[in-house]
Each structure stands twice: as C-alpha cells, then as structure tokens.
Amino acid sequence: MTLTLIGQTIAIKDIQVLDSKAGMSSNTSYQIAQDGLGFMWVATPLGLDRYDGGSIKSYTADGAPGSLTTAMIRTLAVDRDDNLWV
C-alpha cells in the first residue's frame, strides 16, 4: 500500500509571531479560543490576551478595577451564546 501526502508551502512572510515582544503577557500559552466576533483569546500563566488580527490587549491581575482576580489562566471556552468562559 502506498500513501501519498500533498502539503502546502507557507511563505515565511505569512507567519506572525505573537510573543511578549509583540505585546503578549507571556511567551507561554495554555489554550486558545476564538469567539463569534473573531477575537482570538489566549490563556497564559500571566493573564488573558485578546488578539484581533492586528493588536493585542492583555488582561492581568494587576489589582486595577476590572482586572483578573488571578493571573494564571489555563482553560478557555466559548459557549453557544458566545460567552467566553475563563
């Protein structure tokens, strides 16, 4: 039996690295979820990051009003009503 696989070539210019240099709260990510608006949510050991395709917004446990109560985010889920569960 012979199995033939055909792959795609991805140009390096098409790859965008999302790391702390790009504005992520951490270089480590545990889980990624996408909501109905197209935002990509990233669970990290230092908070929750939201990527909109151009910029990153970080939510951390810095003690400010509306901030997270804990920095370590491990699991994300988007339910059928498009609520993000952290």
PDB file of N, CA and C in Angstrom:
ATOM      1  N   MET A   1       0.840  -1.170   0.000  1.00  0.00           N
ATOM      2  CA  MET A   1       0.000   0.000   0.000  1.00  0.00           C
ATOM      3  C   MET A   1       0.891   1.241   0.000  1.00  0.00           C
ATOM      4  N   THR A   2       0.555   2.207  -0.840  1.00  0.00           N
ATOM      5  CA  THR A   2       1.291   3.456  -0.928  1.00  0.00           C
ATOM      6  C   THR A   2       0.389   4.602  -0.508  1.00  0.00           C
ATOM      7  N   LEU A   3       0.907   5.458   0.308  1.00  0.00           N
ATOM      8  CA  LEU A   3       0.164   6.623   0.768  1.00  0.00           C
ATOM      9  C   LEU A   3       0.884   7.876   0.284  1.00  0.00           C
ATOM     10  N   THR A   4       0.177   8.721  -0.439  1.00  0.00           N
ATOM     11  CA  THR A   4       0.754   9.958  -0.945  1.00  0.00           C
ATOM     12  C   THR A   4       0.134  11.132  -0.204  1.00  0.00           C
ATOM     13  N   LEU A   5       0.969  11.988   0.305  1.00  0.00           N
ATOM     14  CA  LEU A   5       0.519  13.180   1.001  1.00  0.00           C
ATOM     15  C   LEU A   5       0.954  14.417   0.239  1.00  0.00           C
ATOM     16  N   ILE A   6       0.063  15.368   0.132  1.00  0.00           N
ATOM     17  CA  ILE A   6       0.387  16.621  -0.528  1.00  0.00           C
ATOM     18  C   ILE A   6       0.260  17.731   0.503  1.00  0.00           C
ATOM     19  N   GLY A   7       1.301  18.513   0.661  1.00  0.00           N
ATOM     20  CA  GLY A   7       1.293  19.590   1.646  1.00  0.00           C
ATOM     21  C   GLY A   7       1.243  20.946   0.979  1.00  0.00           C
ATOM     22  N   GLN A   8       1.120  21.951   1.799  1.00  0.00           N
ATOM     23  CA  GLN A   8       1.124  23.318   1.311  1.00  0.00           C
ATOM     24  C   GLN A   8       2.411  23.997   1.721  1.00  0.00           C
ATOM     25  N   THR A   9       2.864  24.889   0.897  1.00  0.00           N
ATOM     26  CA  THR A   9       4.023  25.698   1.220  1.00  0.00           C
ATOM     27  C   THR A   9       3.529  27.027   1.780  1.00  0.00           C
ATOM     28  N   ILE A  10       4.044  27.378   2.941  1.00  0.00           N
ATOM     29  CA  ILE A  10       3.662  28.638   3.577  1.00  0.00           C
ATOM     30  C   ILE A  10       4.855  29.574   3.516  1.00  0.00           C
ATOM     31  N   ALA A  11       4.640  30.726   2.963  1.00  0.00           N
ATOM     32  CA  ALA A  11       5.712  31.719   2.906  1.00  0.00           C
ATOM     33  C   ALA A  11       5.949  32.286   4.299  1.00  0.00           C
ATOM     34  N   ILE A  12       7.191  32.451   4.667  1.00  0.00           N
ATOM     35  CA  ILE A  12       7.543  32.972   5.985  1.00  0.00           C
ATOM     36  C   ILE A  12       6.885  34.332   6.231  1.00  0.00           C
ATOM     37  N   LYS A  13       6.697  35.135   5.202  1.00  0.00           N
ATOM     38  CA  LYS A  13       6.078  36.449   5.378  1.00  0.00           C
ATOM     39  C   LYS A  13       4.637  36.343   5.858  1.00  0.00           C
ATOM     40  N   ASP A  14       3.996  35.167   5.694  1.00  0.00           N
ATOM     41  CA  ASP A  14       2.608  34.971   6.111  1.00  0.00           C
ATOM     42  C   ASP A  14       2.474  34.599   7.581  1.00  0.00           C
ATOM     43  N   ILE A  15       3.584  34.367   8.248  1.00  0.00           N
ATOM     44  CA  ILE A  15       3.553  33.937   9.649  1.00  0.00           C
ATOM     45  C   ILE A  15       3.841  35.135  10.551  1.00  0.00           C
ATOM     46  N   GLN A  16       2.949  35.339  11.528  1.00  0.00           N
ATOM     47  CA  GLN A  16       3.146  36.406  12.502  1.00  0.00           C
ATOM     48  C   GLN A  16       3.395  35.770  13.862  1.00  0.00           C
ATOM     49  N   VAL A  17       4.493  36.112  14.479  1.00  0.00           N
ATOM     50  CA  VAL A  17       4.843  35.576  15.791  1.00  0.00           C
ATOM     51  C   VAL A  17       4.188  36.442  16.854  1.00  0.00           C
ATOM     52  N   LEU A  18       3.413  35.803  17.719  1.00  0.00           N
ATOM     53  CA  LEU A  18       2.795  36.506  18.844  1.00  0.00           C
ATOM     54  C   LEU A  18       3.524  36.064  20.108  1.00  0.00           C
ATOM     55  N   ASP A  19       4.345  36.944  20.627  1.00  0.00           N
ATOM     56  CA  ASP A  19       5.108  36.663  21.836  1.00  0.00           C
ATOM     57  C   ASP A  19       5.143  37.925  22.695  1.00  0.00           C
ATOM     58  N   SER A  20       5.926  37.891  23.756  1.00  0.00           N
ATOM     59  CA  SER A  20       5.967  39.051  24.645  1.00  0.00           C
ATOM     60  C   SER A  20       6.526  40.288  23.934  1.00  0.00           C
ATOM     61  N   LYS A  21       7.369  40.116  22.954  1.00  0.00           N
ATOM     62  CA  LYS A  21       7.873  41.257  22.190  1.00  0.00           C
ATOM     63  C   LYS A  21       6.761  41.906  21.377  1.00  0.00           C
ATOM     64  N   ALA A  22       5.767  41.115  20.983  1.00  0.00           N
ATOM     65  CA  ALA A  22       4.626  41.628  20.209  1.00  0.00           C
ATOM     66  C   ALA A  22       3.527  42.179  21.111  1.00  0.00           C
ATOM     67  N   GLY A  23       3.654  41.982  22.443  1.00  0.00           N
ATOM     68  CA  GLY A  23       2.673  42.517  23.374  1.00  0.00           C
ATOM     69  C   GLY A  23       1.911  41.483  24.178  1.00  0.00           C
ATOM     70  N   MET A  24       2.192  40.187  23.965  1.00  0.00           N
ATOM     71  CA  MET A  24       1.540  39.147  24.753  1.00  0.00           C
ATOM     72  C   MET A  24       2.026  39.234  26.200  1.00  0.00           C
ATOM     73  N   SER A  25       1.180  38.813  27.134  1.00  0.00           N
ATOM     74  CA  SER A  25       1.567  38.861  28.545  1.00  0.00           C
ATOM     75  C   SER A  25       2.627  37.814  28.875  1.00  0.00           C
ATOM     76  N   SER A  26       2.746  36.772  28.061  1.00  0.00           N
ATOM     77  CA  SER A  26       3.704  35.702  28.309  1.00  0.00           C
ATOM     78  C   SER A  26       4.055  35.025  26.990  1.00  0.00           C
ATOM     79  N   ASN A  27       5.205  34.375  26.940  1.00  0.00           N
ATOM     80  CA  ASN A  27       5.574  33.562  25.780  1.00  0.00           C
ATOM     81  C   ASN A  27       5.001  32.158  25.872  1.00  0.00           C
ATOM     82  N   THR A  28       4.366  31.838  26.993  1.00  0.00           N
ATOM     83  CA  THR A  28       3.745  30.534  27.195  1.00  0.00           C
ATOM     84  C   THR A  28       2.243  30.667  27.062  1.00  0.00           C
ATOM     85  N   SER A  29       1.624  29.772  26.311  1.00  0.00           N
ATOM     86  CA  SER A  29       0.162  29.766  26.213  1.00  0.00           C
ATOM     87  C   SER A  29      -0.348  28.374  26.508  1.00  0.00           C
ATOM     88  N   TYR A  30      -1.490  28.308  27.196  1.00  0.00           N
ATOM     89  CA  TYR A  30      -2.090  27.030  27.561  1.00  0.00           C
ATOM     90  C   TYR A  30      -3.230  26.635  26.637  1.00  0.00           C
ATOM     91  N   GLN A  31      -4.007  27.608  26.206  1.00  0.00           N
ATOM     92  CA  GLN A  31      -5.154  27.306  25.366  1.00  0.00           C
ATOM     93  C   GLN A  31      -5.534  28.547  24.567  1.00  0.00           C
ATOM     94  N   ILE A  32      -6.117  28.315  23.388  1.00  0.00           N
ATOM     95  CA  ILE A  32      -6.576  29.407  22.524  1.00  0.00           C
ATOM     96  C   ILE A  32      -8.024  29.137  22.153  1.00  0.00           C
ATOM     97  N   ALA A  33      -8.843  30.189  22.163  1.00  0.00           N
ATOM     98  CA  ALA A  33     -10.248  30.074  21.756  1.00  0.00           C
ATOM     99  C   ALA A  33     -10.588  31.273  20.878  1.00  0.00           C
ATOM    100  N   GLN A  34     -11.515  31.072  19.941  1.00  0.00           N
ATOM    101  CA  GLN A  34     -11.961  32.163  19.092  1.00  0.00           C
ATOM    102  C   GLN A  34     -13.439  32.398  19.335  1.00  0.00           C
ATOM    103  N   ASP A  35     -13.817  33.673  19.543  1.00  0.00           N
ATOM    104  CA  ASP A  35     -15.226  33.980  19.775  1.00  0.00           C
ATOM    105  C   ASP A  35     -15.925  34.323  18.454  1.00  0.00           C
ATOM    106  N   GLY A  36     -17.209  34.601  18.527  1.00  0.00           N
ATOM    107  CA  GLY A  36     -18.011  34.870  17.343  1.00  0.00           C
ATOM    108  C   GLY A  36     -17.661  36.166  16.632  1.00  0.00           C
ATOM    109  N   LEU A  37     -16.970  37.070  17.318  1.00  0.00           N
ATOM    110  CA  LEU A  37     -16.530  38.318  16.697  1.00  0.00           C
ATOM    111  C   LEU A  37     -15.178  38.171  16.003  1.00  0.00           C
ATOM    112  N   GLY A  38     -14.574  36.996  16.143  1.00  0.00           N
ATOM    113  CA  GLY A  38     -13.282  36.739  15.512  1.00  0.00           C
ATOM    114  C   GLY A  38     -12.084  36.992  16.397  1.00  0.00           C
ATOM    115  N   PHE A  39     -12.310  37.450  17.643  1.00  0.00           N
ATOM    116  CA  PHE A  39     -11.189  37.653  18.559  1.00  0.00           C
ATOM    117  C   PHE A  39     -10.584  36.301  18.936  1.00  0.00           C
ATOM    118  N   MET A  40      -9.261  36.260  18.982  1.00  0.00           N
ATOM    119  CA  MET A  40      -8.545  35.083  19.469  1.00  0.00           C
ATOM    120  C   MET A  40      -8.159  35.372  20.923  1.00  0.00           C
ATOM    121  N   TRP A  41      -8.567  34.486  21.819  1.00  0.00           N
ATOM    122  CA  TRP A  41      -8.280  34.626  23.249  1.00  0.00           C
ATOM    123  C   TRP A  41      -7.224  33.602  23.624  1.00  0.00           C
ATOM    124  N   VAL A  42      -6.200  34.022  24.354  1.00  0.00           N
ATOM    125  CA  VAL A  42      -5.077  33.160  24.702  1.00  0.00           C
ATOM    126  C   VAL A  42      -4.936  33.111  26.219  1.00  0.00           C
ATOM    127  N   ALA A  43      -4.989  31.900  26.771  1.00  0.00           N
ATOM    128  CA  ALA A  43      -4.778  31.682  28.209  1.00  0.00           C
ATOM    129  C   ALA A  43      -3.282  31.547  28.462  1.00  0.00           C
ATOM    130  N   THR A  44      -2.757  32.347  29.392  1.00  0.00           N
ATOM    131  CA  THR A  44      -1.325  32.312  29.702  1.00  0.00           C
ATOM    132  C   THR A  44      -1.128  32.239  31.214  1.00  0.00           C
ATOM    133  N   PRO A  45       0.082  31.943  31.664  1.00  0.00           N
ATOM    134  CA  PRO A  45       0.335  31.925  33.111  1.00  0.00           C
ATOM    135  C   PRO A  45       0.330  33.319  33.738  1.00  0.00           C
ATOM    136  N   LEU A  46       0.347  34.366  32.917  1.00  0.00           N
ATOM    137  CA  LEU A  46       0.380  35.730  33.448  1.00  0.00           C
ATOM    138  C   LEU A  46      -0.872  36.527  33.133  1.00  0.00           C
ATOM    139  N   GLY A  47      -1.890  35.886  32.570  1.00  0.00           N
ATOM    140  CA  GLY A  47      -3.134  36.586  32.289  1.00  0.00           C
ATOM    141  C   GLY A  47      -3.832  36.067  31.041  1.00  0.00           C
ATOM    142  N   LEU A  48      -4.744  36.880  30.537  1.00  0.00           N
ATOM    143  CA  LEU A  48      -5.558  36.554  29.373  1.00  0.00           C
ATOM    144  C   LEU A  48      -5.263  37.586  28.289  1.00  0.00           C
ATOM    145  N   ASP A  49      -4.953  37.126  27.086  1.00  0.00           N
ATOM    146  CA  ASP A  49      -4.654  38.025  25.986  1.00  0.00           C
ATOM    147  C   ASP A  49      -5.726  37.901  24.914  1.00  0.00           C
ATOM    148  N   ARG A  50      -6.066  39.043  24.295  1.00  0.00           N
ATOM    149  CA  ARG A  50      -7.032  39.068  23.197  1.00  0.00           C
ATOM    150  C   ARG A  50      -6.336  39.627  21.961  1.00  0.00           C
ATOM    151  N   TYR A  51      -6.401  38.883  20.874  1.00  0.00           N
ATOM    152  CA  TYR A  51      -5.771  39.295  19.617  1.00  0.00           C
ATOM    153  C   TYR A  51      -6.856  39.514  18.583  1.00  0.00           C
ATOM    154  N   ASP A  52      -6.840  40.669  17.922  1.00  0.00           N
ATOM    155  CA  ASP A  52      -7.880  41.000  16.943  1.00  0.00           C
ATOM    156  C   ASP A  52      -7.389  40.931  15.499  1.00  0.00           C
ATOM    157  N   GLY A  53      -6.215  40.371  15.302  1.00  0.00           N
ATOM    158  CA  GLY A  53      -5.634  40.285  13.969  1.00  0.00           C
ATOM    159  C   GLY A  53      -4.633  41.386  13.702  1.00  0.00           C
ATOM    160  N   GLY A  54      -4.590  42.367  14.585  1.00  0.00           N
ATOM    161  CA  GLY A  54      -3.653  43.471  14.416  1.00  0.00           C
ATOM    162  C   GLY A  54      -2.981  43.902  15.701  1.00  0.00           C
ATOM    163  N   SER A  55      -3.735  43.838  16.815  1.00  0.00           N
ATOM    164  CA  SER A  55      -3.172  44.270  18.091  1.00  0.00           C
ATOM    165  C   SER A  55      -3.569  43.295  19.200  1.00  0.00           C
ATOM    166  N   ILE A  56      -2.832  43.386  20.297  1.00  0.00           N
ATOM    167  CA  ILE A  56      -3.032  42.504  21.447  1.00  0.00           C
ATOM    168  C   ILE A  56      -3.446  43.344  22.642  1.00  0.00           C
ATOM    169  N   LYS A  57      -4.473  42.898  23.350  1.00  0.00           N
ATOM    170  CA  LYS A  57      -4.893  43.517  24.612  1.00  0.00           C
ATOM    171  C   LYS A  57      -4.703  42.477  25.694  1.00  0.00           C
ATOM    172  N   SER A  58      -4.000  42.819  26.753  1.00  0.00           N
ATOM    173  CA  SER A  58      -3.734  41.889  27.851  1.00  0.00           C
ATOM    174  C   SER A  58      -4.577  42.239  29.062  1.00  0.00           C
ATOM    175  N   TYR A  59      -5.161  41.227  29.662  1.00  0.00           N
ATOM    176  CA  TYR A  59      -5.915  41.349  30.907  1.00  0.00           C
ATOM    177  C   TYR A  59      -5.108  40.609  31.972  1.00  0.00           C
ATOM    178  N   THR A  60      -4.717  41.321  33.017  1.00  0.00           N
ATOM    179  CA  THR A  60      -3.861  40.734  34.045  1.00  0.00           C
ATOM    180  C   THR A  60      -4.465  40.937  35.430  1.00  0.00           C
ATOM    181  N   ALA A  61      -3.826  40.380  36.432  1.00  0.00           N
ATOM    182  CA  ALA A  61      -4.254  40.521  37.829  1.00  0.00           C
ATOM    183  C   ALA A  61      -3.419  41.617  38.485  1.00  0.00           C
ATOM    184  N   ASP A  62      -3.542  42.833  37.959  1.00  0.00           N
ATOM    185  CA  ASP A  62      -2.725  43.928  38.479  1.00  0.00           C
ATOM    186  C   ASP A  62      -3.395  44.710  39.601  1.00  0.00           C
ATOM    187  N   GLY A  63      -4.605  44.296  39.987  1.00  0.00           N
ATOM    188  CA  GLY A  63      -5.296  44.965  41.079  1.00  0.00           C
ATOM    189  C   GLY A  63      -6.142  46.156  40.655  1.00  0.00           C
ATOM    190  N   ALA A  64      -6.064  46.532  39.399  1.00  0.00           N
ATOM    191  CA  ALA A  64      -6.877  47.658  38.908  1.00  0.00           C
ATOM    192  C   ALA A  64      -8.338  47.238  38.810  1.00  0.00           C
ATOM    193  N   PRO A  65      -9.261  48.183  38.875  1.00  0.00           N
ATOM    194  CA  PRO A  65     -10.684  47.837  38.730  1.00  0.00           C
ATOM    195  C   PRO A  65     -10.938  47.111  37.416  1.00  0.00           C
ATOM    196  N   GLY A  66     -11.645  46.001  37.496  1.00  0.00           N
ATOM    197  CA  GLY A  66     -11.944  45.203  36.312  1.00  0.00           C
ATOM    198  C   GLY A  66     -10.853  44.233  35.919  1.00  0.00           C
ATOM    199  N   SER A  67      -9.773  44.176  36.691  1.00  0.00           N
ATOM    200  CA  SER A  67      -8.687  43.251  36.352  1.00  0.00           C
ATOM    201  C   SER A  67      -9.034  41.842  36.829  1.00  0.00           C
ATOM    202  N   LEU A  68      -8.258  40.883  36.384  1.00  0.00           N
ATOM    203  CA  LEU A  68      -8.468  39.486  36.775  1.00  0.00           C
ATOM    204  C   LEU A  68      -8.148  39.305  38.256  1.00  0.00           C
ATOM    205  N   THR A  69      -8.792  38.325  38.869  1.00  0.00           N
ATOM    206  CA  THR A  69      -8.510  38.040  40.282  1.00  0.00           C
ATOM    207  C   THR A  69      -7.310  37.115  40.430  1.00  0.00           C
ATOM    208  N   THR A  70      -6.945  36.427  39.365  1.00  0.00           N
ATOM    209  CA  THR A  70      -5.762  35.571  39.366  1.00  0.00           C
ATOM    210  C   THR A  70      -5.066  35.701  38.026  1.00  0.00           C
ATOM    211  N   ALA A  71      -3.757  35.584  38.021  1.00  0.00           N
ATOM    212  CA  ALA A  71      -3.003  35.731  36.773  1.00  0.00           C
ATOM    213  C   ALA A  71      -3.019  34.448  35.946  1.00  0.00           C
ATOM    214  N   MET A  72      -2.939  33.298  36.597  1.00  0.00           N
ATOM    215  CA  MET A  72      -2.821  32.024  35.885  1.00  0.00           C
ATOM    216  C   MET A  72      -4.145  31.654  35.230  1.00  0.00           C
ATOM    217  N   ILE A  73      -4.181  31.660  33.901  1.00  0.00           N
ATOM    218  CA  ILE A  73      -5.360  31.250  33.142  1.00  0.00           C
ATOM    219  C   ILE A  73      -4.979  29.992  32.375  1.00  0.00           C
ATOM    220  N   ARG A  74      -5.693  28.901  32.609  1.00  0.00           N
ATOM    221  CA  ARG A  74      -5.343  27.643  31.957  1.00  0.00           C
ATOM    222  C   ARG A  74      -6.352  27.189  30.904  1.00  0.00           C
ATOM    223  N   THR A  75      -7.627  27.488  31.117  1.00  0.00           N
ATOM    224  CA  THR A  75      -8.660  26.927  30.256  1.00  0.00           C
ATOM    225  C   THR A  75      -9.600  28.016  29.764  1.00  0.00           C
ATOM    226  N   LEU A  76      -9.987  27.920  28.501  1.00  0.00           N
ATOM    227  CA  LEU A  76     -10.934  28.842  27.887  1.00  0.00           C
ATOM    228  C   LEU A  76     -12.012  28.050  27.167  1.00  0.00           C
ATOM    229  N   ALA A  77     -13.211  28.619  27.101  1.00  0.00           N
ATOM    230  CA  ALA A  77     -14.290  28.017  26.323  1.00  0.00           C
ATOM    231  C   ALA A  77     -15.238  29.125  25.883  1.00  0.00           C
ATOM    232  N   VAL A  78     -15.774  28.978  24.683  1.00  0.00           N
ATOM    233  CA  VAL A  78     -16.805  29.882  24.185  1.00  0.00           C
ATOM    234  C   VAL A  78     -18.072  29.047  24.058  1.00  0.00           C
ATOM    235  N   ASP A  79     -19.156  29.478  24.743  1.00  0.00           N
ATOM    236  CA  ASP A  79     -20.391  28.699  24.708  1.00  0.00           C
ATOM    237  C   ASP A  79     -21.262  29.093  23.510  1.00  0.00           C
ATOM    238  N   ARG A  80     -22.415  28.444  23.381  1.00  0.00           N
ATOM    239  CA  ARG A  80     -23.281  28.666  22.211  1.00  0.00           C
ATOM    240  C   ARG A  80     -23.882  30.072  22.173  1.00  0.00           C
ATOM    241  N   ASP A  81     -23.855  30.779  23.315  1.00  0.00           N
ATOM    242  CA  ASP A  81     -24.308  32.160  23.363  1.00  0.00           C
ATOM    243  C   ASP A  81     -23.156  33.148  23.160  1.00  0.00           C
ATOM    244  N   ASP A  82     -21.992  32.617  22.794  1.00  0.00           N
ATOM    245  CA  ASP A  82     -20.775  33.398  22.527  1.00  0.00           C
ATOM    246  C   ASP A  82     -20.203  34.059  23.773  1.00  0.00           C
ATOM    247  N   ASN A  83     -20.437  33.463  24.946  1.00  0.00           N
ATOM    248  CA  ASN A  83     -19.811  33.913  26.186  1.00  0.00           C
ATOM    249  C   ASN A  83     -18.456  33.241  26.318  1.00  0.00           C
ATOM    250  N   LEU A  84     -17.443  33.988  26.715  1.00  0.00           N
ATOM    251  CA  LEU A  84     -16.136  33.430  26.958  1.00  0.00           C
ATOM    252  C   LEU A  84     -16.040  33.015  28.409  1.00  0.00           C
ATOM    253  N   TRP A  85     -15.717  31.755  28.640  1.00  0.00           N
ATOM    254  CA  TRP A  85     -15.550  31.228  29.995  1.00  0.00           C
ATOM    255  C   TRP A  85     -14.066  31.058  30.251  1.00  0.00           C
ATOM    256  N   VAL A  86     -13.605  31.610  31.370  1.00  0.00           N
ATOM    257  CA  VAL A  86     -12.181  31.579  31.732  1.00  0.00           C
ATOM    258  C   VAL A  86     -12.021  30.796  33.005  1.00  0.00           C
TER     259      VAL A  86
END
